[in-house]
Amino acid sequence: MINLDTQLEDWLREGIISTDQARRMRQSALGPPSTEEVADDAGRRIPLVTEILGYVGAALAIWAVAFLVSEFWANLDDWAQASLFGALSFALIVAGAQLLDTTEEALARLSGVLWTAGLAALVGALYIAFDPIAGLSIELTWTLTSAIAAGIAAAMMWKKPSVLQHIVLFATSLATIVSLLTLGPEPELFVYGFVVWAFGLAWILVARAGVLPSLNAGMVLGGAAMLYGAQIAAVEDTATFGVFLGLATAGVLAGAGVVLKEKLTIILGGIGIFMFVPQAMFHFFGEEMGAMFGLFFSGLLIIGLAVWFGRHKEAL
């Protein structure tokens, strides 16, 4: 005889019933829940309520700072502005740290959001401290600010690994790398594009090595940076190289996603194909013919991906 839970799980997986319907069917078959089950259900709701309250509290604090900024910012001296951001950052980061040891998923999410908001406020405080107070150049200000933020983001991710902290570390690290380019003579736009592309590749390799907490997030973030870098590199003087780089990147991402059975990477590769095939057609064949060829081949490639997905969804 088929077990009830097994049957319900099969129906859920096939989309025949919803989660709520499965719960009610199980309850109908097993009778009313016991007192212990009711208590457990209530206990599971408490972290969700706490999470919501945390978001509301953080939103109110941030709104208050935003109001002060809009109303009184011009009348505050530089130290007062930096202190305001610094106090908000300290409060949010400390609040998030109080939830570090929790095993509840909802509270873990709240901790990550509080830390992220606190780091954003710290960036504001550092910018004011380095630029108007210390009088540093805007290039050095952004480099120091992003580097400090990246260091703190790395410590946060080491302490509490999560996808959100992964994204924050990626953003602050990329900002640091790009800011370093501005400290010397202004490089060509192509250089920025290639550096962003190389950073994305390095991020994927680090993610594949198991250093980062989420392989999927690492692949997607790194792949997106590679595509964006290739797009930046596809400027007038280096358009041929940038387009070829974008096409190659998109193809490798799609192929790697298939081999590694990672859906998001396949989708990212498909987006890259959609981005660069029309550009290649425009670049090599001119606007009128390029547009038609680009749309035609992009459509065929995307249809091919859709068919492959449909025939191999079980393998993924």
C-alpha atoms as a PDB file:
ATOM      1  CA  MET A   1       0.000   0.000   0.000  1.00  0.00           C
ATOM      2  CA  ILE A   2       1.320   3.455  -0.925  1.00  0.00           C
ATOM      3  CA  ASN A   3       2.270   5.609   2.055  1.00  0.00           C
ATOM      4  CA  LEU A   4       0.158   8.785   2.373  1.00  0.00           C
ATOM      5  CA  ASP A   5       3.162  11.108   2.686  1.00  0.00           C
ATOM      6  CA  THR A   6       4.822   9.507  -0.347  1.00  0.00           C
ATOM      7  CA  GLN A   7       1.671   9.917  -2.417  1.00  0.00           C
ATOM      8  CA  LEU A   8       1.225  13.526  -1.374  1.00  0.00           C
ATOM      9  CA  GLU A   9       4.862  14.313  -2.168  1.00  0.00           C
ATOM     10  CA  ASP A  10       4.433  12.785  -5.636  1.00  0.00           C
ATOM     11  CA  TRP A  11       1.329  14.893  -6.246  1.00  0.00           C
ATOM     12  CA  LEU A  12       3.120  18.021  -5.028  1.00  0.00           C
ATOM     13  CA  ARG A  13       6.058  17.364  -7.311  1.00  0.00           C
ATOM     14  CA  GLU A  14       3.757  16.830 -10.289  1.00  0.00           C
ATOM     15  CA  GLY A  15       1.785  19.992  -9.484  1.00  0.00           C
ATOM     16  CA  ILE A  16      -1.510  18.153  -8.977  1.00  0.00           C
ATOM     17  CA  ILE A  17      -2.091  19.713  -5.550  1.00  0.00           C
ATOM     18  CA  SER A  18      -0.763  22.736  -3.686  1.00  0.00           C
ATOM     19  CA  THR A  19       1.143  22.746  -0.408  1.00  0.00           C
ATOM     20  CA  ASP A  20      -1.931  23.965   1.454  1.00  0.00           C
ATOM     21  CA  GLN A  21      -4.078  21.223  -0.077  1.00  0.00           C
ATOM     22  CA  ALA A  22      -1.505  18.607   0.916  1.00  0.00           C
ATOM     23  CA  ARG A  23      -1.532  19.881   4.476  1.00  0.00           C
ATOM     24  CA  ARG A  24      -5.332  19.750   4.697  1.00  0.00           C
ATOM     25  CA  MET A  25      -5.464  16.265   3.149  1.00  0.00           C
ATOM     26  CA  ARG A  26      -2.892  14.993   5.609  1.00  0.00           C
ATOM     27  CA  GLN A  27      -4.755  16.598   8.494  1.00  0.00           C
ATOM     28  CA  SER A  28      -8.068  15.104   7.311  1.00  0.00           C
ATOM     29  CA  ALA A  29      -6.542  11.638   7.097  1.00  0.00           C
ATOM     30  CA  LEU A  30      -4.713  11.774  10.421  1.00  0.00           C
ATOM     31  CA  GLY A  31      -7.292  13.654  12.448  1.00  0.00           C
ATOM     32  CA  PRO A  32      -6.985  16.960  14.312  1.00  0.00           C
ATOM     33  CA  PRO A  33      -3.457  18.034  15.284  1.00  0.00           C
ATOM     34  CA  SER A  34      -2.231  17.314  18.791  1.00  0.00           C
ATOM     35  CA  THR A  35      -1.463  20.013  21.320  1.00  0.00           C
ATOM     36  CA  GLU A  36       2.250  19.507  20.702  1.00  0.00           C
ATOM     37  CA  GLU A  37       1.817  19.945  16.946  1.00  0.00           C
ATOM     38  CA  VAL A  38      -0.153  23.152  17.464  1.00  0.00           C
ATOM     39  CA  ALA A  39       2.577  24.441  19.757  1.00  0.00           C
ATOM     40  CA  ASP A  40       5.264  23.545  17.213  1.00  0.00           C
ATOM     41  CA  ASP A  41       3.336  25.355  14.485  1.00  0.00           C
ATOM     42  CA  ALA A  42       3.027  28.431  16.685  1.00  0.00           C
ATOM     43  CA  GLY A  43       6.720  28.221  17.462  1.00  0.00           C
ATOM     44  CA  ARG A  44       7.540  28.214  13.778  1.00  0.00           C
ATOM     45  CA  ARG A  45       5.490  31.374  13.286  1.00  0.00           C
ATOM     46  CA  ILE A  46       7.338  33.325  15.971  1.00  0.00           C
ATOM     47  CA  PRO A  47      10.579  33.709  13.959  1.00  0.00           C
ATOM     48  CA  LEU A  48       8.575  34.931  10.968  1.00  0.00           C
ATOM     49  CA  VAL A  49       6.910  37.574  13.134  1.00  0.00           C
ATOM     50  CA  THR A  50      10.314  38.540  14.504  1.00  0.00           C
ATOM     51  CA  GLU A  51      11.680  38.816  10.970  1.00  0.00           C
ATOM     52  CA  ILE A  52       8.836  41.088   9.901  1.00  0.00           C
ATOM     53  CA  LEU A  53       9.256  43.277  12.993  1.00  0.00           C
ATOM     54  CA  GLY A  54      12.974  43.539  12.278  1.00  0.00           C
ATOM     55  CA  TYR A  55      12.326  44.686   8.722  1.00  0.00           C
ATOM     56  CA  VAL A  56       9.768  47.231   9.914  1.00  0.00           C
ATOM     57  CA  GLY A  57      12.145  48.573  12.572  1.00  0.00           C
ATOM     58  CA  ALA A  58      15.029  48.854  10.117  1.00  0.00           C
ATOM     59  CA  ALA A  59      12.789  50.555   7.570  1.00  0.00           C
ATOM     60  CA  LEU A  60      11.628  53.097  10.155  1.00  0.00           C
ATOM     61  CA  ALA A  61      15.204  53.872  11.212  1.00  0.00           C
ATOM     62  CA  ILE A  62      16.332  54.282   7.609  1.00  0.00           C
ATOM     63  CA  TRP A  63      13.274  56.411   6.827  1.00  0.00           C
ATOM     64  CA  ALA A  64      14.110  58.655   9.793  1.00  0.00           C
ATOM     65  CA  VAL A  65      17.653  59.138   8.502  1.00  0.00           C
ATOM     66  CA  ALA A  66      16.302  59.824   5.007  1.00  0.00           C
ATOM     67  CA  PHE A  67      13.957  62.449   6.466  1.00  0.00           C
ATOM     68  CA  LEU A  68      16.813  64.100   8.340  1.00  0.00           C
ATOM     69  CA  VAL A  69      18.871  64.079   5.185  1.00  0.00           C
ATOM     70  CA  SER A  70      16.169  65.767   3.157  1.00  0.00           C
ATOM     71  CA  GLU A  71      15.221  68.334   5.780  1.00  0.00           C
ATOM     72  CA  PHE A  72      18.367  69.205   7.704  1.00  0.00           C
ATOM     73  CA  TRP A  73      21.307  67.791   5.753  1.00  0.00           C
ATOM     74  CA  ALA A  74      22.503  71.116   4.402  1.00  0.00           C
ATOM     75  CA  ASN A  75      22.563  72.563   7.932  1.00  0.00           C
ATOM     76  CA  LEU A  76      24.665  69.722   9.390  1.00  0.00           C
ATOM     77  CA  ASP A  77      28.444  69.924   9.359  1.00  0.00           C
ATOM     78  CA  ASP A  78      30.497  67.100   7.886  1.00  0.00           C
ATOM     79  CA  TRP A  79      31.193  65.412  11.222  1.00  0.00           C
ATOM     80  CA  ALA A  80      27.493  65.381  12.089  1.00  0.00           C
ATOM     81  CA  GLN A  81      26.626  63.833   8.718  1.00  0.00           C
ATOM     82  CA  ALA A  82      29.276  61.131   9.080  1.00  0.00           C
ATOM     83  CA  SER A  83      28.223  60.446  12.674  1.00  0.00           C
ATOM     84  CA  LEU A  84      24.594  60.052  11.640  1.00  0.00           C
ATOM     85  CA  PHE A  85      25.476  57.407   9.067  1.00  0.00           C
ATOM     86  CA  GLY A  86      27.945  55.808  11.460  1.00  0.00           C
ATOM     87  CA  ALA A  87      25.390  55.519  14.269  1.00  0.00           C
ATOM     88  CA  LEU A  88      22.851  53.916  11.936  1.00  0.00           C
ATOM     89  CA  SER A  89      25.488  51.512  10.636  1.00  0.00           C
ATOM     90  CA  PHE A  90      26.572  50.518  14.156  1.00  0.00           C
ATOM     91  CA  ALA A  91      22.987  49.915  15.281  1.00  0.00           C
ATOM     92  CA  LEU A  92      22.104  47.759  12.269  1.00  0.00           C
ATOM     93  CA  ILE A  93      25.300  45.679  12.324  1.00  0.00           C
ATOM     94  CA  VAL A  94      25.076  45.062  16.085  1.00  0.00           C
ATOM     95  CA  ALA A  95      21.408  44.085  15.747  1.00  0.00           C
ATOM     96  CA  GLY A  96      22.287  41.621  12.996  1.00  0.00           C
ATOM     97  CA  ALA A  97      25.115  40.179  15.074  1.00  0.00           C
ATOM     98  CA  GLN A  98      22.683  39.317  17.880  1.00  0.00           C
ATOM     99  CA  LEU A  99      21.058  36.766  15.549  1.00  0.00           C
ATOM    100  CA  LEU A 100      24.249  35.029  14.452  1.00  0.00           C
ATOM    101  CA  ASP A 101      23.711  31.857  16.445  1.00  0.00           C
ATOM    102  CA  THR A 102      20.118  31.323  15.361  1.00  0.00           C
ATOM    103  CA  THR A 103      19.130  28.170  13.513  1.00  0.00           C
ATOM    104  CA  GLU A 104      15.855  29.673  12.293  1.00  0.00           C
ATOM    105  CA  GLU A 105      15.852  30.460   8.574  1.00  0.00           C
ATOM    106  CA  ALA A 106      13.715  33.581   9.004  1.00  0.00           C
ATOM    107  CA  LEU A 107      16.016  35.075  11.639  1.00  0.00           C
ATOM    108  CA  ALA A 108      19.074  34.223   9.563  1.00  0.00           C
ATOM    109  CA  ARG A 109      17.570  36.177   6.663  1.00  0.00           C
ATOM    110  CA  LEU A 110      16.857  39.104   8.961  1.00  0.00           C
ATOM    111  CA  SER A 111      20.437  39.064  10.220  1.00  0.00           C
ATOM    112  CA  GLY A 112      21.776  39.212   6.668  1.00  0.00           C
ATOM    113  CA  VAL A 113      19.479  42.071   5.680  1.00  0.00           C
ATOM    114  CA  LEU A 114      20.412  44.081   8.781  1.00  0.00           C
ATOM    115  CA  TRP A 115      24.102  43.570   8.087  1.00  0.00           C
ATOM    116  CA  THR A 116      23.699  44.591   4.451  1.00  0.00           C
ATOM    117  CA  ALA A 117      21.824  47.761   5.384  1.00  0.00           C
ATOM    118  CA  GLY A 118      24.423  48.507   8.055  1.00  0.00           C
ATOM    119  CA  LEU A 119      27.247  48.120   5.552  1.00  0.00           C
ATOM    120  CA  ALA A 120      25.481  50.484   3.137  1.00  0.00           C
ATOM    121  CA  ALA A 121      25.222  53.090   5.911  1.00  0.00           C
ATOM    122  CA  LEU A 122      28.913  52.592   6.709  1.00  0.00           C
ATOM    123  CA  VAL A 123      29.786  53.326   3.075  1.00  0.00           C
ATOM    124  CA  GLY A 124      28.011  56.665   3.457  1.00  0.00           C
ATOM    125  CA  ALA A 125      29.928  57.461   6.641  1.00  0.00           C
ATOM    126  CA  LEU A 126      33.283  56.509   5.098  1.00  0.00           C
ATOM    127  CA  TYR A 127      32.650  58.563   1.973  1.00  0.00           C
ATOM    128  CA  ILE A 128      31.987  61.682   4.043  1.00  0.00           C
ATOM    129  CA  ALA A 129      34.977  61.007   6.282  1.00  0.00           C
ATOM    130  CA  PHE A 130      37.398  60.567   3.375  1.00  0.00           C
ATOM    131  CA  ASP A 131      36.139  63.244   0.968  1.00  0.00           C
ATOM    132  CA  PRO A 132      34.864  66.415   2.647  1.00  0.00           C
ATOM    133  CA  ILE A 133      36.509  65.802   6.044  1.00  0.00           C
ATOM    134  CA  ALA A 134      39.921  64.372   5.081  1.00  0.00           C
ATOM    135  CA  GLY A 135      39.950  66.144   1.722  1.00  0.00           C
ATOM    136  CA  LEU A 136      41.024  63.113  -0.298  1.00  0.00           C
ATOM    137  CA  SER A 137      40.449  62.933  -4.038  1.00  0.00           C
ATOM    138  CA  ILE A 138      37.212  61.367  -5.233  1.00  0.00           C
ATOM    139  CA  GLU A 139      39.166  58.490  -6.810  1.00  0.00           C
ATOM    140  CA  LEU A 140      41.040  57.656  -3.616  1.00  0.00           C
ATOM    141  CA  THR A 141      37.873  58.133  -1.565  1.00  0.00           C
ATOM    142  CA  TRP A 142      35.957  55.537  -3.577  1.00  0.00           C
ATOM    143  CA  THR A 143      38.905  53.142  -3.586  1.00  0.00           C
ATOM    144  CA  LEU A 144      39.366  53.254   0.185  1.00  0.00           C
ATOM    145  CA  THR A 145      35.625  53.151   0.861  1.00  0.00           C
ATOM    146  CA  SER A 146      34.989  50.155  -1.389  1.00  0.00           C
ATOM    147  CA  ALA A 147      38.081  48.312  -0.115  1.00  0.00           C
ATOM    148  CA  ILE A 148      37.032  48.703   3.522  1.00  0.00           C
ATOM    149  CA  ALA A 149      33.478  47.669   2.636  1.00  0.00           C
ATOM    150  CA  ALA A 150      34.800  44.594   0.803  1.00  0.00           C
ATOM    151  CA  GLY A 151      36.910  43.615   3.822  1.00  0.00           C
ATOM    152  CA  ILE A 152      33.935  43.909   6.149  1.00  0.00           C
ATOM    153  CA  ALA A 153      31.725  42.029   3.676  1.00  0.00           C
ATOM    154  CA  ALA A 154      34.291  39.206   3.569  1.00  0.00           C
ATOM    155  CA  ALA A 155      34.286  39.017   7.383  1.00  0.00           C
ATOM    156  CA  MET A 156      30.489  38.966   7.418  1.00  0.00           C
ATOM    157  CA  MET A 157      30.339  36.158   4.872  1.00  0.00           C
ATOM    158  CA  TRP A 158      32.966  34.163   6.773  1.00  0.00           C
ATOM    159  CA  LYS A 159      30.968  34.570   9.965  1.00  0.00           C
ATOM    160  CA  LYS A 160      27.535  33.862   8.465  1.00  0.00           C
ATOM    161  CA  PRO A 161      27.703  32.482   4.893  1.00  0.00           C
ATOM    162  CA  SER A 162      24.635  33.244   2.790  1.00  0.00           C
ATOM    163  CA  VAL A 163      23.710  34.150  -0.769  1.00  0.00           C
ATOM    164  CA  LEU A 164      22.997  37.752   0.251  1.00  0.00           C
ATOM    165  CA  GLN A 165      26.432  38.166   1.837  1.00  0.00           C
ATOM    166  CA  HIS A 166      27.913  36.515  -1.242  1.00  0.00           C
ATOM    167  CA  ILE A 167      26.284  39.162  -3.454  1.00  0.00           C
ATOM    168  CA  VAL A 168      27.464  41.990  -1.172  1.00  0.00           C
ATOM    169  CA  LEU A 169      31.043  40.700  -1.225  1.00  0.00           C
ATOM    170  CA  PHE A 170      30.929  40.412  -5.013  1.00  0.00           C
ATOM    171  CA  ALA A 171      29.633  43.973  -5.442  1.00  0.00           C
ATOM    172  CA  THR A 172      32.114  45.553  -3.036  1.00  0.00           C
ATOM    173  CA  SER A 173      35.049  43.563  -4.453  1.00  0.00           C
ATOM    174  CA  LEU A 174      34.197  44.543  -8.028  1.00  0.00           C
ATOM    175  CA  ALA A 175      33.819  48.178  -6.959  1.00  0.00           C
ATOM    176  CA  THR A 176      37.277  48.019  -5.371  1.00  0.00           C
ATOM    177  CA  ILE A 177      38.903  46.580  -8.502  1.00  0.00           C
ATOM    178  CA  VAL A 178      37.288  49.167 -10.768  1.00  0.00           C
ATOM    179  CA  SER A 179      38.152  52.007  -8.365  1.00  0.00           C
ATOM    180  CA  LEU A 180      41.827  50.991  -8.410  1.00  0.00           C
ATOM    181  CA  LEU A 181      41.894  51.660 -12.155  1.00  0.00           C
ATOM    182  CA  THR A 182      41.030  55.309 -11.551  1.00  0.00           C
ATOM    183  CA  LEU A 183      44.062  56.001  -9.344  1.00  0.00           C
ATOM    184  CA  GLY A 184      46.462  56.253 -12.299  1.00  0.00           C
ATOM    185  CA  PRO A 185      46.042  57.764 -15.761  1.00  0.00           C
ATOM    186  CA  GLU A 186      42.489  57.378 -17.016  1.00  0.00           C
ATOM    187  CA  PRO A 187      42.364  54.041 -18.909  1.00  0.00           C
ATOM    188  CA  GLU A 188      40.420  53.399 -22.082  1.00  0.00           C
ATOM    189  CA  LEU A 189      36.867  52.137 -21.707  1.00  0.00           C
ATOM    190  CA  PHE A 190      38.026  48.839 -23.215  1.00  0.00           C
ATOM    191  CA  VAL A 191      40.342  48.326 -20.246  1.00  0.00           C
ATOM    192  CA  TYR A 192      37.452  48.686 -17.806  1.00  0.00           C
ATOM    193  CA  GLY A 193      35.491  46.104 -19.765  1.00  0.00           C
ATOM    194  CA  PHE A 194      38.293  43.582 -19.878  1.00  0.00           C
ATOM    195  CA  VAL A 195      39.032  43.990 -16.153  1.00  0.00           C
ATOM    196  CA  VAL A 196      35.355  43.421 -15.298  1.00  0.00           C
ATOM    197  CA  TRP A 197      35.332  40.362 -17.581  1.00  0.00           C
ATOM    198  CA  ALA A 198      38.489  38.976 -15.963  1.00  0.00           C
ATOM    199  CA  PHE A 199      37.089  39.608 -12.492  1.00  0.00           C
ATOM    200  CA  GLY A 200      33.954  37.651 -13.383  1.00  0.00           C
ATOM    201  CA  LEU A 201      36.052  34.729 -14.639  1.00  0.00           C
ATOM    202  CA  ALA A 202      38.147  34.773 -11.464  1.00  0.00           C
ATOM    203  CA  TRP A 203      34.970  34.808  -9.363  1.00  0.00           C
ATOM    204  CA  ILE A 204      33.661  31.720 -11.139  1.00  0.00           C
ATOM    205  CA  LEU A 205      36.965  29.890 -10.613  1.00  0.00           C
ATOM    206  CA  VAL A 206      36.979  30.768  -6.911  1.00  0.00           C
ATOM    207  CA  ALA A 207      33.358  29.602  -6.616  1.00  0.00           C
ATOM    208  CA  ARG A 208      34.228  26.337  -8.392  1.00  0.00           C
ATOM    209  CA  ALA A 209      37.078  25.832  -5.917  1.00  0.00           C
ATOM    210  CA  GLY A 210      34.549  25.793  -3.067  1.00  0.00           C
ATOM    211  CA  VAL A 211      35.781  28.972  -1.377  1.00  0.00           C
ATOM    212  CA  LEU A 212      32.457  30.784  -1.725  1.00  0.00           C
ATOM    213  CA  PRO A 213      29.279  29.578   0.027  1.00  0.00           C
ATOM    214  CA  SER A 214      27.044  29.254  -3.041  1.00  0.00           C
ATOM    215  CA  LEU A 215      28.311  27.754  -6.302  1.00  0.00           C
ATOM    216  CA  ASN A 216      25.176  28.781  -8.220  1.00  0.00           C
ATOM    217  CA  ALA A 217      25.407  32.380  -7.009  1.00  0.00           C
ATOM    218  CA  GLY A 218      29.109  32.451  -7.865  1.00  0.00           C
ATOM    219  CA  MET A 219      28.492  31.143 -11.375  1.00  0.00           C
ATOM    220  CA  VAL A 220      25.658  33.596 -12.035  1.00  0.00           C
ATOM    221  CA  LEU A 221      27.428  36.644 -10.599  1.00  0.00           C
ATOM    222  CA  GLY A 222      30.700  35.822 -12.310  1.00  0.00           C
ATOM    223  CA  GLY A 223      28.979  35.047 -15.604  1.00  0.00           C
ATOM    224  CA  ALA A 224      26.975  38.275 -15.473  1.00  0.00           C
ATOM    225  CA  ALA A 225      30.192  40.239 -14.860  1.00  0.00           C
ATOM    226  CA  MET A 226      31.858  38.530 -17.842  1.00  0.00           C
ATOM    227  CA  LEU A 227      28.960  39.398 -20.141  1.00  0.00           C
ATOM    228  CA  TYR A 228      28.823  42.976 -18.864  1.00  0.00           C
ATOM    229  CA  GLY A 229      32.580  43.357 -19.239  1.00  0.00           C
ATOM    230  CA  ALA A 230      32.426  42.096 -22.823  1.00  0.00           C
ATOM    231  CA  GLN A 231      29.645  44.588 -23.516  1.00  0.00           C
ATOM    232  CA  ILE A 232      31.756  47.442 -22.156  1.00  0.00           C
ATOM    233  CA  ALA A 233      34.694  46.245 -24.286  1.00  0.00           C
ATOM    234  CA  ALA A 234      32.553  46.297 -27.431  1.00  0.00           C
ATOM    235  CA  VAL A 235      33.210  50.006 -27.992  1.00  0.00           C
ATOM    236  CA  GLU A 236      33.918  51.517 -31.403  1.00  0.00           C
ATOM    237  CA  ASP A 237      37.657  50.904 -31.666  1.00  0.00           C
ATOM    238  CA  THR A 238      37.516  47.424 -30.092  1.00  0.00           C
ATOM    239  CA  ALA A 239      34.012  46.392 -31.149  1.00  0.00           C
ATOM    240  CA  THR A 240      35.207  43.293 -33.000  1.00  0.00           C
ATOM    241  CA  PHE A 241      37.117  41.978 -30.006  1.00  0.00           C
ATOM    242  CA  GLY A 242      34.292  42.812 -27.585  1.00  0.00           C
ATOM    243  CA  VAL A 243      31.638  41.122 -29.703  1.00  0.00           C
ATOM    244  CA  PHE A 244      33.736  37.993 -30.169  1.00  0.00           C
ATOM    245  CA  LEU A 245      34.506  37.961 -26.447  1.00  0.00           C
ATOM    246  CA  GLY A 246      30.802  38.264 -25.640  1.00  0.00           C
ATOM    247  CA  LEU A 247      29.824  35.487 -28.065  1.00  0.00           C
ATOM    248  CA  ALA A 248      32.519  33.178 -26.713  1.00  0.00           C
ATOM    249  CA  THR A 249      31.537  33.949 -23.128  1.00  0.00           C
ATOM    250  CA  ALA A 250      27.858  33.297 -23.805  1.00  0.00           C
ATOM    251  CA  GLY A 251      28.631  30.018 -25.564  1.00  0.00           C
ATOM    252  CA  VAL A 252      30.915  28.811 -22.786  1.00  0.00           C
ATOM    253  CA  LEU A 253      28.375  29.728 -20.115  1.00  0.00           C
ATOM    254  CA  ALA A 254      25.593  27.876 -21.917  1.00  0.00           C
ATOM    255  CA  GLY A 255      27.810  24.855 -22.519  1.00  0.00           C
ATOM    256  CA  ALA A 256      29.124  24.815 -18.955  1.00  0.00           C
ATOM    257  CA  GLY A 257      25.581  25.031 -17.632  1.00  0.00           C
ATOM    258  CA  VAL A 258      24.609  21.985 -19.680  1.00  0.00           C
ATOM    259  CA  VAL A 259      27.650  19.966 -18.618  1.00  0.00           C
ATOM    260  CA  LEU A 260      27.377  20.965 -14.960  1.00  0.00           C
ATOM    261  CA  LYS A 261      23.549  20.734 -14.985  1.00  0.00           C
ATOM    262  CA  GLU A 262      23.135  24.278 -13.654  1.00  0.00           C
ATOM    263  CA  LYS A 263      19.953  25.869 -14.966  1.00  0.00           C
ATOM    264  CA  LEU A 264      20.787  29.467 -14.063  1.00  0.00           C
ATOM    265  CA  THR A 265      24.085  29.283 -15.922  1.00  0.00           C
ATOM    266  CA  ILE A 266      22.315  27.939 -19.019  1.00  0.00           C
ATOM    267  CA  ILE A 267      19.805  30.787 -18.825  1.00  0.00           C
ATOM    268  CA  LEU A 268      22.612  33.320 -18.412  1.00  0.00           C
ATOM    269  CA  GLY A 269      24.330  31.878 -21.468  1.00  0.00           C
ATOM    270  CA  GLY A 270      21.073  32.211 -23.412  1.00  0.00           C
ATOM    271  CA  ILE A 271      20.801  35.856 -22.364  1.00  0.00           C
ATOM    272  CA  GLY A 272      24.356  36.417 -23.557  1.00  0.00           C
ATOM    273  CA  ILE A 273      23.550  34.839 -26.932  1.00  0.00           C
ATOM    274  CA  PHE A 274      20.527  37.111 -27.241  1.00  0.00           C
ATOM    275  CA  MET A 275      22.753  40.104 -26.403  1.00  0.00           C
ATOM    276  CA  PHE A 276      25.684  39.463 -28.719  1.00  0.00           C
ATOM    277  CA  VAL A 277      24.354  37.634 -31.786  1.00  0.00           C
ATOM    278  CA  PRO A 278      22.404  40.710 -33.015  1.00  0.00           C
ATOM    279  CA  GLN A 279      25.424  42.910 -32.247  1.00  0.00           C
ATOM    280  CA  ALA A 280      27.641  40.604 -34.304  1.00  0.00           C
ATOM    281  CA  MET A 281      25.227  40.759 -37.217  1.00  0.00           C
ATOM    282  CA  PHE A 282      25.002  44.557 -37.038  1.00  0.00           C
ATOM    283  CA  HIS A 283      28.772  44.856 -36.788  1.00  0.00           C
ATOM    284  CA  PHE A 284      29.701  42.559 -39.658  1.00  0.00           C
ATOM    285  CA  PHE A 285      26.737  42.901 -42.055  1.00  0.00           C
ATOM    286  CA  GLY A 286      25.369  46.389 -41.478  1.00  0.00           C
ATOM    287  CA  GLU A 287      22.161  47.578 -39.888  1.00  0.00           C
ATOM    288  CA  GLU A 288      19.453  46.304 -42.216  1.00  0.00           C
ATOM    289  CA  MET A 289      20.773  42.831 -42.959  1.00  0.00           C
ATOM    290  CA  GLY A 290      22.312  42.576 -39.506  1.00  0.00           C
ATOM    291  CA  ALA A 291      19.011  43.164 -37.808  1.00  0.00           C
ATOM    292  CA  MET A 292      17.301  40.401 -39.739  1.00  0.00           C
ATOM    293  CA  PHE A 293      20.124  37.900 -39.353  1.00  0.00           C
ATOM    294  CA  GLY A 294      20.547  38.767 -35.690  1.00  0.00           C
ATOM    295  CA  LEU A 295      16.903  38.280 -34.859  1.00  0.00           C
ATOM    296  CA  PHE A 296      16.715  35.103 -36.941  1.00  0.00           C
ATOM    297  CA  PHE A 297      19.732  33.377 -35.414  1.00  0.00           C
ATOM    298  CA  SER A 298      18.917  34.573 -31.897  1.00  0.00           C
ATOM    299  CA  GLY A 299      15.433  33.141 -32.274  1.00  0.00           C
ATOM    300  CA  LEU A 300      16.761  29.801 -33.512  1.00  0.00           C
ATOM    301  CA  LEU A 301      19.262  29.556 -30.669  1.00  0.00           C
ATOM    302  CA  ILE A 302      16.679  30.382 -28.036  1.00  0.00           C
ATOM    303  CA  ILE A 303      14.214  27.891 -29.542  1.00  0.00           C
ATOM    304  CA  GLY A 304      16.985  25.300 -29.459  1.00  0.00           C
ATOM    305  CA  LEU A 305      17.619  25.996 -25.790  1.00  0.00           C
ATOM    306  CA  ALA A 306      13.897  25.735 -25.047  1.00  0.00           C
ATOM    307  CA  VAL A 307      13.633  22.390 -26.838  1.00  0.00           C
ATOM    308  CA  TRP A 308      16.711  21.091 -25.030  1.00  0.00           C
ATOM    309  CA  PHE A 309      15.223  22.161 -21.703  1.00  0.00           C
ATOM    310  CA  GLY A 310      11.984  20.388 -22.522  1.00  0.00           C
ATOM    311  CA  ARG A 311      13.695  17.133 -23.472  1.00  0.00           C
ATOM    312  CA  HIS A 312      16.224  17.067 -20.663  1.00  0.00           C
ATOM    313  CA  LYS A 313      14.413  18.640 -17.715  1.00  0.00           C
ATOM    314  CA  GLU A 314      14.738  15.431 -15.701  1.00  0.00           C
ATOM    315  CA  ALA A 315      18.526  15.541 -16.074  1.00  0.00           C
ATOM    316  CA  LEU A 316      18.584  19.029 -14.581  1.00  0.00           C
END
